[in-house]
C-alpha atoms as a PDB file:
ATOM      1  CA  MET A   1     -13.518  20.955   4.592  1.00  0.00           C
ATOM      2  CA  THR A   2     -14.947  21.415   1.133  1.00  0.00           C
ATOM      3  CA  LEU A   3     -12.390  21.685  -1.639  1.00  0.00           C
ATOM      4  CA  LYS A   4     -12.851  24.422  -4.189  1.00  0.00           C
ATOM      5  CA  HIS A   5     -12.672  23.479  -7.832  1.00  0.00           C
ATOM      6  CA  THR A   6      -8.996  23.937  -8.688  1.00  0.00           C
ATOM      7  CA  THR A   7      -6.413  21.963 -10.552  1.00  0.00           C
ATOM      8  CA  MET A   8      -4.700  19.354  -8.454  1.00  0.00           C
ATOM      9  CA  GLU A   9      -1.391  21.040  -9.186  1.00  0.00           C
ATOM     10  CA  ALA A  10      -2.553  24.146  -7.305  1.00  0.00           C
ATOM     11  CA  ASP A  11      -3.159  21.991  -4.209  1.00  0.00           C
ATOM     12  CA  ILE A  12       0.328  20.450  -4.166  1.00  0.00           C
ATOM     13  CA  ASP A  13       2.941  21.973  -1.882  1.00  0.00           C
ATOM     14  CA  ARG A  14       5.857  19.942  -3.277  1.00  0.00           C
ATOM     15  CA  ILE A  15       6.735  16.694  -5.004  1.00  0.00           C
ATOM     16  CA  LEU A  16       8.306  14.275  -2.546  1.00  0.00           C
ATOM     17  CA  ILE A  17       8.898  11.338  -4.934  1.00  0.00           C
ATOM     18  CA  SER A  18       8.615  11.722  -8.687  1.00  0.00           C
ATOM     19  CA  ARG A  19       6.862   9.281 -11.017  1.00  0.00           C
ATOM     20  CA  GLN A  20      10.273   8.440 -12.516  1.00  0.00           C
ATOM     21  CA  GLN A  21      11.661   7.538  -9.086  1.00  0.00           C
ATOM     22  CA  ILE A  22       8.569   5.432  -8.386  1.00  0.00           C
ATOM     23  CA  SER A  23       8.937   3.548 -11.667  1.00  0.00           C
ATOM     24  CA  GLN A  24      12.613   2.833 -11.078  1.00  0.00           C
ATOM     25  CA  ARG A  25      11.972   1.633  -7.529  1.00  0.00           C
ATOM     26  CA  LEU A  26       9.113  -0.629  -8.678  1.00  0.00           C
ATOM     27  CA  ASP A  27      11.523  -2.354 -11.093  1.00  0.00           C
ATOM     28  CA  GLU A  28      13.902  -2.949  -8.179  1.00  0.00           C
ATOM     29  CA  MET A  29      11.134  -4.133  -5.843  1.00  0.00           C
ATOM     30  CA  ALA A  30       9.845  -6.616  -8.421  1.00  0.00           C
ATOM     31  CA  ARG A  31      13.337  -8.131  -8.645  1.00  0.00           C
ATOM     32  CA  GLU A  32      13.549  -8.285  -4.830  1.00  0.00           C
ATOM     33  CA  ILE A  33      10.155  -9.994  -4.582  1.00  0.00           C
ATOM     34  CA  ALA A  34      10.906 -12.425  -7.432  1.00  0.00           C
ATOM     35  CA  ALA A  35      14.129 -13.459  -5.670  1.00  0.00           C
ATOM     36  CA  VAL A  36      12.107 -14.589  -2.638  1.00  0.00           C
ATOM     37  CA  TYR A  37       9.324 -16.540  -4.367  1.00  0.00           C
ATOM     38  CA  PRO A  38       9.851 -19.628  -6.534  1.00  0.00           C
ATOM     39  CA  LEU A  39       8.787 -19.478 -10.179  1.00  0.00           C
ATOM     40  CA  LYS A  40       6.806 -22.717  -9.960  1.00  0.00           C
ATOM     41  CA  GLY A  41       3.580 -24.186  -8.677  1.00  0.00           C
ATOM     42  CA  GLU A  42       0.489 -22.124  -8.106  1.00  0.00           C
ATOM     43  CA  GLY A  43       2.437 -18.906  -7.857  1.00  0.00           C
ATOM     44  CA  LEU A  44       1.813 -15.948  -5.616  1.00  0.00           C
ATOM     45  CA  VAL A  45      -1.417 -14.512  -4.217  1.00  0.00           C
ATOM     46  CA  VAL A  46      -1.084 -10.752  -4.030  1.00  0.00           C
ATOM     47  CA  VAL A  47      -3.510  -9.143  -1.580  1.00  0.00           C
ATOM     48  CA  PRO A  48      -3.733  -5.370  -2.041  1.00  0.00           C
ATOM     49  CA  ILE A  49      -5.329  -3.302   0.703  1.00  0.00           C
ATOM     50  CA  LEU A  50      -7.871  -1.229  -1.192  1.00  0.00           C
ATOM     51  CA  ALA A  51      -8.278   1.483  -2.234  1.00  0.00           C
ATOM     52  CA  GLY A  52      -4.908   3.072  -1.470  1.00  0.00           C
ATOM     53  CA  ALA A  53      -2.781   0.252  -2.905  1.00  0.00           C
ATOM     54  CA  LEU A  54      -4.730   0.025  -6.171  1.00  0.00           C
ATOM     55  CA  ILE A  55      -2.343   1.970  -8.411  1.00  0.00           C
ATOM     56  CA  PHE A  56       0.773   0.621  -6.694  1.00  0.00           C
ATOM     57  CA  VAL A  57      -0.284  -3.018  -6.998  1.00  0.00           C
ATOM     58  CA  ALA A  58      -1.341  -2.630 -10.642  1.00  0.00           C
ATOM     59  CA  ASP A  59       2.087  -1.296 -11.583  1.00  0.00           C
ATOM     60  CA  LEU A  60       3.967  -3.764  -9.359  1.00  0.00           C
ATOM     61  CA  ILE A  61       2.334  -7.014 -10.503  1.00  0.00           C
ATOM     62  CA  ARG A  62       2.957  -6.208 -14.168  1.00  0.00           C
ATOM     63  CA  ARG A  63       6.657  -6.357 -13.311  1.00  0.00           C
ATOM     64  CA  LEU A  64       6.524  -9.726 -11.510  1.00  0.00           C
ATOM     65  CA  PRO A  65       7.678 -12.726 -13.579  1.00  0.00           C
ATOM     66  CA  MET A  66       5.750 -15.397 -11.655  1.00  0.00           C
ATOM     67  CA  ARG A  67       2.154 -16.576 -11.844  1.00  0.00           C
ATOM     68  CA  THR A  68       0.127 -14.170  -9.785  1.00  0.00           C
ATOM     69  CA  GLN A  69      -3.428 -14.137  -8.511  1.00  0.00           C
ATOM     70  CA  ILE A  70      -5.083 -11.208  -6.780  1.00  0.00           C
ATOM     71  CA  GLY A  71      -7.067 -11.606  -3.574  1.00  0.00           C
ATOM     72  CA  LEU A  72      -8.882  -8.359  -2.884  1.00  0.00           C
ATOM     73  CA  LEU A  73      -9.059  -6.942   0.608  1.00  0.00           C
ATOM     74  CA  LEU A  74     -11.048  -3.926   1.726  1.00  0.00           C
ATOM     75  CA  VAL A  75     -10.279  -2.274   5.052  1.00  0.00           C
ATOM     76  CA  SER A  76     -11.963   0.689   6.649  1.00  0.00           C
ATOM     77  CA  SER A  77      -9.102   2.392   8.464  1.00  0.00           C
ATOM     78  CA  TYR A  78     -10.254   5.921   8.972  1.00  0.00           C
ATOM     79  CA  SER A  79     -13.913   6.221   9.842  1.00  0.00           C
ATOM     80  CA  GLY A  80     -13.816   9.835  10.924  1.00  0.00           C
ATOM     81  CA  THR A  81     -10.489   9.996  12.728  1.00  0.00           C
ATOM     82  CA  SER A  82      -7.070   8.538  12.070  1.00  0.00           C
ATOM     83  CA  GLY A  83      -7.123   6.981  15.529  1.00  0.00           C
ATOM     84  CA  SER A  84      -9.963   4.574  14.801  1.00  0.00           C
ATOM     85  CA  GLU A  85      -9.283   0.845  14.632  1.00  0.00           C
ATOM     86  CA  PRO A  86      -9.200  -0.806  11.208  1.00  0.00           C
ATOM     87  CA  ARG A  87     -12.163  -2.991  10.201  1.00  0.00           C
ATOM     88  CA  ILE A  88     -11.758  -5.655   7.535  1.00  0.00           C
ATOM     89  CA  LEU A  89     -14.800  -5.401   5.290  1.00  0.00           C
ATOM     90  CA  PHE A  90     -13.865  -7.940   2.607  1.00  0.00           C
ATOM     91  CA  ALA A  91     -11.018 -10.490   2.537  1.00  0.00           C
ATOM     92  CA  PRO A  92      -9.876 -13.323   0.236  1.00  0.00           C
ATOM     93  CA  GLY A  93     -10.499 -16.081   2.811  1.00  0.00           C
ATOM     94  CA  SER A  94      -9.870 -19.697   1.784  1.00  0.00           C
ATOM     95  CA  GLN A  95      -8.281 -18.628  -1.531  1.00  0.00           C
ATOM     96  CA  ILE A  96      -5.005 -18.161   0.358  1.00  0.00           C
ATOM     97  CA  ARG A  97      -4.887 -21.460   2.333  1.00  0.00           C
ATOM     98  CA  GLY A  98      -1.538 -23.161   1.688  1.00  0.00           C
ATOM     99  CA  ARG A  99      -0.408 -20.417  -0.712  1.00  0.00           C
ATOM    100  CA  ASP A 100       2.395 -17.865  -0.702  1.00  0.00           C
ATOM    101  CA  VAL A 101       0.726 -14.528   0.072  1.00  0.00           C
ATOM    102  CA  LEU A 102       2.043 -11.002  -0.345  1.00  0.00           C
ATOM    103  CA  ILE A 103       0.057  -8.175   1.276  1.00  0.00           C
ATOM    104  CA  VAL A 104       0.485  -4.897  -0.614  1.00  0.00           C
ATOM    105  CA  ASP A 105      -0.316  -1.552   1.000  1.00  0.00           C
ATOM    106  CA  ASP A 106       0.306   2.057   0.099  1.00  0.00           C
ATOM    107  CA  ILE A 107       1.788   3.340   3.356  1.00  0.00           C
ATOM    108  CA  LEU A 108       3.023   2.006   6.689  1.00  0.00           C
ATOM    109  CA  ASP A 109       2.266   4.713   9.203  1.00  0.00           C
ATOM    110  CA  SER A 110       0.916   3.615  12.604  1.00  0.00           C
ATOM    111  CA  GLY A 111       0.993  -0.050  11.579  1.00  0.00           C
ATOM    112  CA  ARG A 112      -2.551  -0.776  12.819  1.00  0.00           C
ATOM    113  CA  THR A 113      -3.994  -1.635   9.420  1.00  0.00           C
ATOM    114  CA  LEU A 114      -1.142  -3.914   8.390  1.00  0.00           C
ATOM    115  CA  GLN A 115      -1.169  -5.697  11.768  1.00  0.00           C
ATOM    116  CA  ALA A 116      -4.941  -6.280  11.595  1.00  0.00           C
ATOM    117  CA  VAL A 117      -4.655  -7.649   8.053  1.00  0.00           C
ATOM    118  CA  LYS A 118      -1.787  -9.980   8.989  1.00  0.00           C
ATOM    119  CA  VAL A 119      -3.758 -11.388  11.930  1.00  0.00           C
ATOM    120  CA  ASP A 120      -6.853 -11.903   9.785  1.00  0.00           C
ATOM    121  CA  LEU A 121      -5.014 -13.571   6.899  1.00  0.00           C
ATOM    122  CA  CYS A 122      -3.012 -15.863   9.219  1.00  0.00           C
ATOM    123  CA  ARG A 123      -6.327 -17.432  10.289  1.00  0.00           C
ATOM    124  CA  HIS A 124      -6.577 -18.845   6.752  1.00  0.00           C
ATOM    125  CA  GLU A 125      -3.219 -20.669   7.041  1.00  0.00           C
ATOM    126  CA  PRO A 126      -1.174 -19.376   4.102  1.00  0.00           C
ATOM    127  CA  ALA A 127       2.094 -21.213   3.335  1.00  0.00           C
ATOM    128  CA  SER A 128       3.889 -17.892   3.787  1.00  0.00           C
ATOM    129  CA  LEU A 129       2.774 -14.338   4.521  1.00  0.00           C
ATOM    130  CA  ARG A 130       4.876 -11.313   3.688  1.00  0.00           C
ATOM    131  CA  SER A 131       4.090  -7.650   3.227  1.00  0.00           C
ATOM    132  CA  CYS A 132       5.091  -4.935   0.801  1.00  0.00           C
ATOM    133  CA  VAL A 133       4.507  -1.203   1.212  1.00  0.00           C
ATOM    134  CA  LEU A 134       5.227   1.646  -1.130  1.00  0.00           C
ATOM    135  CA  LEU A 135       5.948   4.123   1.670  1.00  0.00           C
ATOM    136  CA  ARG A 136       7.048   3.784   5.292  1.00  0.00           C
ATOM    137  CA  LYS A 137       7.340   6.442   7.953  1.00  0.00           C
ATOM    138  CA  PRO A 138      10.140   4.911  10.032  1.00  0.00           C
ATOM    139  CA  GLY A 139       9.631   7.307  12.929  1.00  0.00           C
ATOM    140  CA  LYS A 140       6.017   6.175  13.378  1.00  0.00           C
ATOM    141  CA  ALA A 141       5.860   2.565  12.184  1.00  0.00           C
ATOM    142  CA  PRO A 142       6.340   0.126  15.077  1.00  0.00           C
ATOM    143  CA  PRO A 143       8.878  -2.692  14.494  1.00  0.00           C
ATOM    144  CA  GLU A 144       6.259  -5.426  14.999  1.00  0.00           C
ATOM    145  CA  ALA A 145       4.300  -4.041  12.033  1.00  0.00           C
ATOM    146  CA  GLY A 146       7.336  -4.253   9.795  1.00  0.00           C
ATOM    147  CA  ALA A 147       7.125  -4.753   6.064  1.00  0.00           C
ATOM    148  CA  ASP A 148       9.286  -7.250   4.180  1.00  0.00           C
ATOM    149  CA  PHE A 149       9.549  -5.020   1.104  1.00  0.00           C
ATOM    150  CA  VAL A 150       9.611  -1.215   1.294  1.00  0.00           C
ATOM    151  CA  GLY A 151       9.597   1.192  -1.610  1.00  0.00           C
ATOM    152  CA  PHE A 152      10.607   4.395   0.131  1.00  0.00           C
ATOM    153  CA  ASP A 153      11.144   5.660   3.662  1.00  0.00           C
ATOM    154  CA  ILE A 154       9.657   9.127   3.995  1.00  0.00           C
ATOM    155  CA  GLU A 155       9.495  11.902   6.538  1.00  0.00           C
ATOM    156  CA  ASP A 156       6.363  12.319   8.644  1.00  0.00           C
ATOM    157  CA  VAL A 157       4.364  14.516   6.257  1.00  0.00           C
ATOM    158  CA  PHE A 158       0.863  14.221   4.810  1.00  0.00           C
ATOM    159  CA  VAL A 159       1.244  12.764   1.320  1.00  0.00           C
ATOM    160  CA  VAL A 160      -1.124  12.219  -1.580  1.00  0.00           C
ATOM    161  CA  GLY A 161      -0.863  10.839  -5.082  1.00  0.00           C
ATOM    162  CA  TYR A 162      -0.125   7.485  -6.662  1.00  0.00           C
ATOM    163  CA  GLY A 163      -3.087   5.968  -4.834  1.00  0.00           C
ATOM    164  CA  LEU A 164      -2.825   7.945  -1.598  1.00  0.00           C
ATOM    165  CA  ASP A 165      -5.700  10.299  -0.963  1.00  0.00           C
ATOM    166  CA  PHE A 166      -7.204  13.108   1.019  1.00  0.00           C
ATOM    167  CA  ASN A 167     -10.994  12.730   1.272  1.00  0.00           C
ATOM    168  CA  SER A 168     -10.810  10.312  -1.690  1.00  0.00           C
ATOM    169  CA  TYR A 169      -9.160  12.939  -3.926  1.00  0.00           C
ATOM    170  CA  TYR A 170      -5.640  12.991  -5.421  1.00  0.00           C
ATOM    171  CA  ARG A 171      -5.284   9.208  -5.880  1.00  0.00           C
ATOM    172  CA  ASN A 172      -4.752   9.886  -9.587  1.00  0.00           C
ATOM    173  CA  TRP A 173      -1.888  12.370  -9.081  1.00  0.00           C
ATOM    174  CA  PRO A 174       1.098  10.522 -10.655  1.00  0.00           C
ATOM    175  CA  ASP A 175       3.772  11.516  -8.099  1.00  0.00           C
ATOM    176  CA  ILE A 176       3.954  11.232  -4.312  1.00  0.00           C
ATOM    177  CA  ALA A 177       3.319  14.800  -3.193  1.00  0.00           C
ATOM    178  CA  VAL A 178       2.879  16.830  -0.043  1.00  0.00           C
ATOM    179  CA  LEU A 179      -0.511  18.493   0.032  1.00  0.00           C
ATOM    180  CA  ARG A 180      -0.691  22.187   0.946  1.00  0.00           C
ATOM    181  CA  PRO A 181      -1.253  22.131   4.744  1.00  0.00           C
ATOM    182  CA  GLU A 182      -4.122  24.628   4.710  1.00  0.00           C
ATOM    183  CA  LEU A 183      -6.198  22.102   2.749  1.00  0.00           C
ATOM    184  CA  TYR A 184      -6.217  19.404   5.455  1.00  0.00           C
ATOM    185  CA  ARG A 185      -5.806  21.231   8.738  1.00  0.00           C
END
């Protein structure tokens, strides 16, 4: 579907999570994460799954008190249909060997992407491997794909904003919003 030139606001059905709620929860998540990782040594390697986690990880790491490195990871999850298997296109590799690693993703939905990333990163023998997601759909996410840190549990709706997209649009919308259904059906 081709989108007509409109303001993003006209495409939003409703705000699910406001930017203020996101900011408050990120403060809490940073404290939760800091409580798990020691404030010594080489610090933490944060591995965001791009591009969806870009805004989330940028805001989250600025709140973390420990030394932090970023190991970029690019995954192609949706090549045409949402049922396609994820393909890891770029990963941090040996940078994570023997290090504490935190995977950061925007949303835990089917769990396929997070599972594939965990398997791939485990091959590089990190000291520890945990995951953090901004959003989780508990009715869809399988237990084996669980995340160690979760921002918000949400209903099973199509969301955009704060890094989440539809056809690469809406990532810059500052809230988590439900897109008008007629735009994506």
